[in-house]
Amino acid sequence: MGIVEKIKEIEAEMARTQKNKATEYHLGQLKAKIAKLRTQLLEPPKGSSGAGDGFEVTKYGHGRVALIGFPSVGKSTLLTMLTGTHSEAASYEFTTLTCIPGIIHYNDTKIQLLDLPGIIEGASEGKGRGRQVIAVSKSSDIVLMVLDASKSEGHRQILTKELEAVGLRLNKRPPQIYFKKKKTGGISFNSTAPLTHVDEKLCYQILHEYKIHNAEILFREDATVDDLIDVIEGNRKYMKCIYVYNKIDVVGIDDVDKLARQPNSIVISCNLKAGSSLLKLNLDRLLAKMWEAMGLVRVYTKPQGQQPDFADPVVLSTDRGGCTVEDFCNHIHRSLVKDVKYVLVWGISARHYPQHCGLSHVLQDEDVVQIVKKKEKDDGGGRGRFKSHSTAPARISDREKKAPLKT
């Protein structure tokens, strides 16, 4: 029996099992088994070597955004309108067969947008090159899930289920659970908050399912069984996702209003025409929401005694290194941090202009930073009028003897 058949068999058993206090331990063990099998499903087959058949796309720019959705929902048209890069669009499904990158120039930054082939139900099991598509989306900063506004809401649930099956957690934060394996000492179970979904017995059973008999675990919040399994697996990625509803020109205004009010959602239309011109309906709001979700921070440099350079900012982000002054210095050059005496900051993060800050100061968008470096110390010895500029040796025996005078 293959891994996919085992997963389907366990899912059928979970569907048959009633959910109550008596069966929660059994259901917890079944969830752990499914998580282990799905992790095995993502691993390359034994004996394989060399590069796989994935999409090779070099990272470029200050951020990366992936377009994910079913076939024929308007991903290629959206890429062409936002970046100017031509991506073939037609009235049949699976027009795009490989990954097509484009660059969005927005707020003095460059954002890489990836048009991926449409995925179908069962993509997490490898159907329709689903694994390659999801692998590229894992390397992105955020995901744009493009949906057809005229189709049912079930498409969004199917895509979310496929992404969660391979370890992607959309619009969620990592659970506040501390977990560490040990060599000896058994299992140490503690919690700083009242637990309603997990108890000590269920935690022991899940750990034994993973053959972990010595570990330390601490719950800092009321977490669920799925959160505990995610922490034990350790290969989950938590990403932000924006749900983009395209083709709103074919549905009623009430449906558009309902979709636009959902959290992390935005409605657009790539093909809405007014006369002979093409309207980019709500694409500016889409770019603004994408910028907000990525959390990019532009920092401008100011040389001493000169005007700030507003042409080429240093772009930082929390996901890519951090937004402190130390991260800003490392972005310029690794050896700059040890030479920094202090920095002068103008902008939102400063309490007054300019503010003297250290390396731990957190920068915000459109701040101006001037770095003041330490002065190089003189090795001559002494200060002021006692300073010695002589380079002669200290010992008389080391001095060079002058040549005798000619008489």
Protein backbone atom coordinates (compact mmCIF):
# COMPACT_ATOMS: atom_id res chain seq x y z
CA MET A 1 0.00 0.00 0.00
CA GLY A 2 1.40 3.38 -1.03
CA ILE A 3 1.63 6.53 1.11
CA VAL A 4 -1.31 8.21 -0.64
CA GLU A 5 -3.55 5.16 -0.01
CA LYS A 6 -2.52 5.09 3.65
CA ILE A 7 -3.43 8.78 4.03
CA LYS A 8 -6.83 8.25 2.42
CA GLU A 9 -7.49 5.23 4.65
CA ILE A 10 -6.68 7.20 7.82
CA GLU A 11 -8.81 10.15 6.63
CA ALA A 12 -11.73 7.76 6.06
CA GLU A 13 -11.27 6.35 9.57
CA MET A 14 -11.27 9.90 11.02
CA ALA A 15 -14.49 10.68 9.12
CA ARG A 16 -16.15 7.57 10.59
CA THR A 17 -15.03 8.30 14.16
CA GLN A 18 -17.37 10.36 16.35
CA LYS A 19 -15.80 13.37 18.01
CA ASN A 20 -16.20 13.31 21.80
CA LYS A 21 -14.08 13.12 24.96
CA ALA A 22 -13.63 9.37 24.64
CA THR A 23 -12.24 9.49 21.08
CA GLU A 24 -10.07 12.63 21.26
CA TYR A 25 -6.92 10.60 22.08
CA HIS A 26 -7.54 8.27 19.13
CA LEU A 27 -8.15 11.21 16.76
CA GLY A 28 -4.96 12.88 18.00
CA GLN A 29 -2.92 9.79 17.16
CA LEU A 30 -4.52 9.60 13.70
CA LYS A 31 -3.65 13.26 13.01
CA ALA A 32 -0.03 12.59 13.99
CA LYS A 33 0.09 9.58 11.63
CA ILE A 34 -1.24 11.67 8.73
CA ALA A 35 1.32 14.42 9.42
CA LYS A 36 4.16 11.86 9.37
CA LEU A 37 2.94 10.32 6.10
CA ARG A 38 2.59 13.72 4.41
CA THR A 39 6.14 14.60 5.45
CA GLN A 40 7.32 11.33 3.85
CA LEU A 41 5.33 12.22 0.72
CA LEU A 42 7.30 15.48 0.32
CA GLU A 43 10.70 13.77 0.66
CA PRO A 44 12.50 12.85 -2.60
CA PRO A 45 12.42 9.14 -3.47
CA LYS A 46 15.29 7.03 -2.21
CA GLY A 47 18.14 6.51 -4.64
CA SER A 48 17.39 9.68 -6.62
CA SER A 49 20.24 12.09 -7.24
CA GLY A 50 20.83 15.28 -9.16
CA ALA A 51 18.50 18.18 -9.80
CA GLY A 52 14.76 17.63 -9.94
CA ASP A 53 12.26 18.88 -12.49
CA GLY A 54 11.23 21.98 -10.54
CA PHE A 55 10.96 25.58 -11.73
CA GLU A 56 14.33 27.34 -11.61
CA VAL A 57 13.68 31.02 -10.84
CA THR A 58 16.47 33.22 -9.50
CA LYS A 59 15.48 35.56 -6.68
CA TYR A 60 15.52 39.19 -7.72
CA GLY A 61 14.46 42.44 -6.11
CA HIS A 62 13.47 43.28 -2.58
CA GLY A 63 10.59 40.80 -2.26
CA ARG A 64 8.91 37.86 -3.97
CA VAL A 65 5.18 37.31 -4.52
CA ALA A 66 3.65 34.11 -5.94
CA LEU A 67 0.34 33.88 -7.85
CA ILE A 68 -1.55 30.71 -6.96
CA GLY A 69 -4.96 29.66 -8.19
CA PHE A 70 -7.01 27.31 -10.32
CA PRO A 71 -6.54 27.35 -14.12
CA SER A 72 -8.17 30.20 -16.08
CA VAL A 73 -8.78 32.63 -13.20
CA GLY A 74 -6.69 35.48 -14.66
CA LYS A 75 -3.20 34.99 -13.19
CA SER A 76 -1.37 35.59 -16.48
CA THR A 77 -3.46 38.67 -17.31
CA LEU A 78 -2.80 40.08 -13.83
CA LEU A 79 0.98 39.54 -14.26
CA THR A 80 0.93 41.32 -17.64
CA MET A 81 -1.00 44.31 -16.29
CA LEU A 82 1.14 44.73 -13.14
CA THR A 83 4.61 44.11 -14.59
CA GLY A 84 4.38 44.55 -18.36
CA THR A 85 5.89 41.09 -18.86
CA HIS A 86 3.99 39.16 -21.52
CA SER A 87 2.44 35.93 -20.25
CA GLU A 88 0.30 34.02 -22.71
CA ALA A 89 -3.40 34.09 -21.84
CA ALA A 90 -6.07 32.12 -23.69
CA SER A 91 -9.60 30.83 -23.18
CA TYR A 92 -8.45 27.27 -22.42
CA GLU A 93 -7.05 25.85 -19.18
CA PHE A 94 -3.35 25.27 -18.43
CA THR A 95 -2.15 27.98 -20.83
CA THR A 96 0.83 28.63 -18.52
CA LEU A 97 3.02 25.52 -18.24
CA THR A 98 6.07 26.95 -16.46
CA CYS A 99 6.94 29.75 -14.02
CA ILE A 100 7.03 33.22 -15.63
CA PRO A 101 8.65 36.01 -13.52
CA GLY A 102 7.94 39.73 -13.74
CA ILE A 103 9.08 42.84 -11.84
CA ILE A 104 6.76 45.37 -10.17
CA HIS A 105 8.31 48.83 -9.66
CA TYR A 106 6.45 50.28 -6.67
CA ASN A 107 7.54 52.88 -4.07
CA ASP A 108 11.18 52.89 -5.23
CA THR A 109 11.40 49.10 -4.77
CA LYS A 110 11.46 46.09 -7.06
CA ILE A 111 9.07 43.25 -6.25
CA GLN A 112 9.33 39.95 -8.14
CA LEU A 113 5.94 38.55 -9.20
CA LEU A 114 5.76 34.88 -10.24
CA ASP A 115 3.02 33.53 -12.52
CA LEU A 116 2.72 29.83 -11.66
CA PRO A 117 0.75 27.15 -13.51
CA GLY A 118 -2.77 26.51 -12.21
CA ILE A 119 -3.06 23.85 -9.53
CA ILE A 120 -5.91 21.39 -9.14
CA GLU A 121 -7.36 19.33 -6.33
CA GLY A 122 -4.80 16.72 -5.29
CA ALA A 123 -1.81 18.99 -6.05
CA SER A 124 -0.22 18.12 -2.69
CA GLU A 125 -0.04 14.49 -3.88
CA GLY A 126 1.74 15.49 -7.10
CA LYS A 127 -1.15 15.92 -9.54
CA GLY A 128 -0.61 18.46 -12.32
CA ARG A 129 2.96 19.39 -11.21
CA GLY A 130 1.40 20.58 -7.96
CA ARG A 131 4.48 19.86 -5.85
CA GLN A 132 6.73 22.04 -8.02
CA VAL A 133 4.23 24.91 -7.93
CA ILE A 134 3.88 24.74 -4.15
CA ALA A 135 7.68 24.46 -3.70
CA VAL A 136 8.14 27.79 -5.52
CA SER A 137 5.40 29.40 -3.44
CA LYS A 138 7.22 28.29 -0.27
CA SER A 139 10.20 30.42 -1.28
CA SER A 140 8.01 33.54 -1.64
CA ASP A 141 7.40 36.26 0.93
CA ILE A 142 3.62 36.36 0.45
CA VAL A 143 1.06 34.48 -1.64
CA LEU A 144 -1.63 36.01 -3.84
CA MET A 145 -4.43 33.47 -4.12
CA VAL A 146 -6.30 34.43 -7.31
CA LEU A 147 -9.94 33.29 -7.27
CA ASP A 148 -12.85 33.59 -9.69
CA ALA A 149 -15.57 35.75 -8.14
CA SER A 150 -18.24 33.96 -10.20
CA LYS A 151 -17.31 30.51 -8.86
CA SER A 152 -18.26 28.98 -5.52
CA GLU A 153 -16.45 29.68 -2.22
CA GLY A 154 -15.32 26.05 -2.17
CA HIS A 155 -12.36 26.85 -4.46
CA ARG A 156 -10.73 28.91 -1.71
CA GLN A 157 -11.16 26.09 0.81
CA ILE A 158 -9.72 23.51 -1.62
CA LEU A 159 -6.61 25.63 -2.30
CA THR A 160 -6.10 26.32 1.41
CA LYS A 161 -6.37 22.60 2.17
CA GLU A 162 -3.82 21.72 -0.53
CA LEU A 163 -1.32 24.30 0.76
CA GLU A 164 -1.77 23.23 4.38
CA ALA A 165 -1.19 19.60 3.40
CA VAL A 166 2.39 20.46 2.39
CA GLY A 167 3.20 22.56 5.45
CA LEU A 168 2.10 26.09 4.47
CA ARG A 169 0.10 27.97 7.11
CA LEU A 170 -1.72 30.97 5.64
CA ASN A 171 -2.35 34.09 7.76
CA LYS A 172 -1.41 32.30 10.97
CA ARG A 173 1.32 32.94 13.52
CA PRO A 174 3.57 30.23 14.96
CA PRO A 175 2.06 28.62 18.10
CA GLN A 176 3.52 29.63 21.45
CA ILE A 177 4.85 26.17 22.30
CA TYR A 178 8.42 25.48 23.44
CA PHE A 179 9.66 22.03 22.37
CA LYS A 180 13.13 20.55 22.75
CA LYS A 181 14.35 16.97 22.46
CA LYS A 182 16.60 15.57 25.20
CA LYS A 183 18.82 12.53 25.52
CA THR A 184 17.52 11.41 28.91
CA GLY A 185 15.06 12.45 31.60
CA GLY A 186 11.73 11.43 30.10
CA ILE A 187 9.01 13.86 29.00
CA SER A 188 8.62 17.12 30.93
CA PHE A 189 5.13 18.63 30.38
CA ASN A 190 4.29 22.15 31.60
CA SER A 191 1.88 24.97 30.71
CA THR A 192 1.53 28.62 31.68
CA ALA A 193 -2.09 28.88 30.44
CA PRO A 194 -5.18 26.71 30.97
CA LEU A 195 -5.45 24.05 28.24
CA THR A 196 -8.83 23.02 26.81
CA HIS A 197 -7.78 21.08 23.68
CA VAL A 198 -4.69 19.15 24.84
CA ASP A 199 -3.86 17.37 28.09
CA GLU A 200 -0.77 15.54 29.32
CA LYS A 201 -1.95 12.09 28.25
CA LEU A 202 -2.73 13.18 24.68
CA CYS A 203 0.63 14.95 24.45
CA TYR A 204 2.44 11.77 25.56
CA GLN A 205 0.59 9.66 22.97
CA ILE A 206 1.46 12.03 20.11
CA LEU A 207 5.14 12.15 21.17
CA HIS A 208 5.26 8.34 21.39
CA GLU A 209 3.78 8.19 17.87
CA TYR A 210 6.89 10.10 16.74
CA LYS A 211 9.06 7.77 18.90
CA ILE A 212 10.09 10.66 21.13
CA HIS A 213 10.50 9.51 24.74
CA ASN A 214 12.74 12.28 26.14
CA ALA A 215 11.67 15.86 25.57
CA GLU A 216 10.75 19.12 27.23
CA ILE A 217 7.50 20.80 26.21
CA LEU A 218 5.94 24.04 27.47
CA PHE A 219 2.57 25.49 26.39
CA ARG A 220 2.37 29.30 26.60
CA GLU A 221 -1.16 29.44 25.13
CA ASP A 222 -4.27 27.30 24.69
CA ALA A 223 -3.04 25.43 21.59
CA THR A 224 -4.75 22.66 19.63
CA VAL A 225 -3.53 19.20 18.64
CA ASP A 226 -2.68 20.45 15.13
CA ASP A 227 -0.50 23.22 16.61
CA LEU A 228 1.39 20.65 18.71
CA ILE A 229 1.99 18.44 15.66
CA ASP A 230 3.24 21.45 13.66
CA VAL A 231 5.79 22.27 16.37
CA ILE A 232 7.00 18.65 16.57
CA GLU A 233 7.34 18.42 12.76
CA GLY A 234 9.30 21.69 12.67
CA ASN A 235 9.02 22.14 8.88
CA ARG A 236 5.99 24.43 8.73
CA LYS A 237 6.15 27.85 7.09
CA TYR A 238 3.83 30.64 8.20
CA MET A 239 3.04 33.05 5.36
CA LYS A 240 0.72 35.94 4.68
CA CYS A 241 -1.88 35.43 1.97
CA ILE A 242 -4.10 37.90 0.10
CA TYR A 243 -7.26 36.52 -1.51
CA VAL A 244 -7.71 38.28 -4.87
CA TYR A 245 -11.19 37.91 -6.37
CA ASN A 246 -10.97 38.53 -10.13
CA LYS A 247 -13.78 38.94 -12.71
CA ILE A 248 -16.05 41.01 -10.45
CA ASP A 249 -17.59 42.55 -13.58
CA VAL A 250 -19.68 39.39 -14.12
CA VAL A 251 -21.32 39.29 -10.65
CA GLY A 252 -23.76 41.58 -8.86
CA ILE A 253 -22.84 44.52 -6.65
CA ASP A 254 -24.12 42.71 -3.53
CA ASP A 255 -21.75 39.78 -4.14
CA VAL A 256 -18.85 42.19 -4.74
CA ASP A 257 -19.60 44.00 -1.46
CA LYS A 258 -19.74 40.69 0.42
CA LEU A 259 -16.38 39.51 -1.01
CA ALA A 260 -14.67 42.86 -0.40
CA ARG A 261 -15.61 42.83 3.31
CA GLN A 262 -13.93 39.47 4.00
CA PRO A 263 -10.58 39.67 5.88
CA ASN A 264 -7.39 39.68 3.78
CA SER A 265 -9.46 39.93 0.59
CA ILE A 266 -9.58 42.39 -2.31
CA VAL A 267 -11.73 42.48 -5.46
CA ILE A 268 -10.35 43.38 -8.91
CA SER A 269 -11.16 43.07 -12.58
CA CYS A 270 -8.51 42.73 -15.27
CA ASN A 271 -10.88 42.86 -18.26
CA LEU A 272 -13.37 45.60 -17.37
CA LYS A 273 -13.67 47.90 -20.39
CA ALA A 274 -15.13 51.42 -20.62
CA GLY A 275 -15.62 52.22 -24.28
CA SER A 276 -12.40 51.42 -26.11
CA SER A 277 -10.08 51.78 -23.08
CA LEU A 278 -9.24 49.10 -20.53
CA LEU A 279 -9.80 50.01 -16.87
CA LYS A 280 -7.43 48.60 -14.24
CA LEU A 281 -10.18 48.26 -11.67
CA ASN A 282 -8.81 48.34 -8.09
CA LEU A 283 -5.27 47.30 -9.04
CA ASP A 284 -3.86 50.29 -7.15
CA ARG A 285 -5.56 49.02 -3.98
CA LEU A 286 -4.11 45.57 -4.65
CA LEU A 287 -0.56 46.98 -4.83
CA ALA A 288 -1.11 48.98 -1.63
CA LYS A 289 -2.39 45.89 0.21
CA MET A 290 0.54 43.83 -1.10
CA TRP A 291 2.98 46.50 0.11
CA GLU A 292 1.34 46.53 3.56
CA ALA A 293 1.45 42.73 3.85
CA MET A 294 5.15 42.50 2.87
CA GLY A 295 6.14 45.08 5.50
CA LEU A 296 9.02 46.54 3.50
CA VAL A 297 10.93 49.43 5.14
CA ARG A 298 12.74 52.02 2.99
CA VAL A 299 15.71 53.70 4.68
CA TYR A 300 17.52 56.61 3.02
CA THR A 301 21.19 57.35 3.66
CA LYS A 302 22.62 60.79 4.49
CA PRO A 303 26.37 61.45 4.16
CA GLN A 304 27.83 63.88 6.69
CA GLY A 305 27.42 67.49 5.58
CA GLN A 306 25.34 66.56 2.52
CA GLN A 307 21.68 66.20 1.55
CA PRO A 308 19.97 62.78 1.93
CA ASP A 309 20.00 60.45 -1.06
CA PHE A 310 16.32 59.86 -1.88
CA ALA A 311 17.04 58.14 -5.20
CA ASP A 312 18.23 54.71 -4.02
CA PRO A 313 16.88 53.54 -0.63
CA VAL A 314 18.10 50.60 1.44
CA VAL A 315 15.10 48.23 1.67
CA LEU A 316 14.73 46.13 4.83
CA SER A 317 12.03 43.76 6.06
CA THR A 318 11.31 41.74 9.18
CA ASP A 319 11.25 38.46 7.22
CA ARG A 320 14.57 39.17 5.49
CA GLY A 321 17.04 39.95 8.25
CA GLY A 322 15.25 42.57 10.37
CA CYS A 323 14.73 46.34 10.54
CA THR A 324 17.19 47.50 13.23
CA VAL A 325 20.13 49.86 12.74
CA GLU A 326 22.49 46.87 12.99
CA ASP A 327 20.63 45.13 10.14
CA PHE A 328 20.86 48.36 8.14
CA CYS A 329 24.65 48.49 8.64
CA ASN A 330 25.04 44.82 7.72
CA HIS A 331 23.05 45.46 4.55
CA ILE A 332 25.61 48.08 3.50
CA HIS A 333 28.72 46.14 4.58
CA ARG A 334 29.44 43.45 7.17
CA SER A 335 32.47 45.24 8.59
CA LEU A 336 30.61 48.53 9.15
CA VAL A 337 29.02 47.55 12.48
CA LYS A 338 32.26 47.49 14.48
CA ASP A 339 33.16 51.01 13.26
CA VAL A 340 29.82 52.64 14.19
CA LYS A 341 29.95 55.12 17.09
CA TYR A 342 26.26 56.16 16.84
CA VAL A 343 23.70 57.02 14.18
CA LEU A 344 21.50 60.08 13.64
CA VAL A 345 17.90 59.26 12.65
CA TRP A 346 15.23 61.47 11.12
CA GLY A 347 11.73 60.10 10.52
CA ILE A 348 8.79 58.34 12.15
CA SER A 349 10.90 56.19 14.48
CA ALA A 350 12.72 59.24 15.95
CA ARG A 351 11.34 61.11 18.97
CA HIS A 352 13.09 64.32 17.92
CA TYR A 353 15.15 65.40 14.90
CA PRO A 354 17.84 64.17 14.79
CA GLN A 355 17.89 61.43 17.43
CA HIS A 356 21.12 59.76 18.55
CA CYS A 357 20.48 56.01 18.33
CA GLY A 358 22.35 52.78 18.90
CA LEU A 359 22.47 49.54 16.95
CA SER A 360 19.26 48.16 18.52
CA HIS A 361 17.02 51.03 17.36
CA VAL A 362 14.13 49.78 15.13
CA LEU A 363 13.77 51.75 11.90
CA GLN A 364 10.50 52.52 10.14
CA ASP A 365 9.50 53.30 6.58
CA GLU A 366 11.11 56.39 4.97
CA ASP A 367 13.57 57.06 7.81
CA VAL A 368 16.78 58.97 7.06
CA VAL A 369 19.97 57.63 8.70
CA GLN A 370 23.42 59.20 9.06
CA ILE A 371 26.19 56.93 10.38
CA VAL A 372 28.89 58.47 12.58
CA LYS A 373 32.00 56.26 12.69
CA LYS A 374 34.59 55.98 15.42
CA LYS A 375 37.76 58.01 15.03
CA GLU A 376 40.94 56.09 14.39
CA LYS A 377 43.31 56.12 17.36
CA ASP A 378 46.86 57.45 16.94
CA ASP A 379 49.59 55.09 18.02
CA GLY A 380 52.09 57.91 18.62
CA GLY A 381 51.47 58.03 22.38
CA GLY A 382 50.61 61.10 24.47
CA ARG A 383 48.04 63.81 23.88
CA GLY A 384 48.17 67.55 23.20
CA ARG A 385 51.60 69.16 23.59
CA PHE A 386 52.94 65.92 25.07
CA LYS A 387 52.21 64.04 21.87
CA SER A 388 55.29 62.53 20.29
CA HIS A 389 55.59 62.43 16.52
CA SER A 390 59.05 60.92 16.51
CA THR A 391 59.49 57.59 14.79
CA ALA A 392 62.90 56.93 16.30
CA PRO A 393 63.45 53.66 18.21
CA ALA A 394 63.06 53.81 21.97
CA ARG A 395 66.41 52.12 22.76
CA ILE A 396 69.72 53.78 21.96
CA SER A 397 71.23 50.50 20.81
CA ASP A 398 68.54 50.18 18.13
CA ARG A 399 69.25 53.56 16.58
CA GLU A 400 71.12 53.71 13.33
CA LYS A 401 74.60 55.17 13.66
CA LYS A 402 75.34 58.17 11.49
CA ALA A 403 78.16 57.98 9.09
CA PRO A 404 81.34 59.74 10.34
CA LEU A 405 81.91 63.27 9.07
CA LYS A 406 84.42 63.63 6.28
CA THR A 407 87.40 65.76 7.28
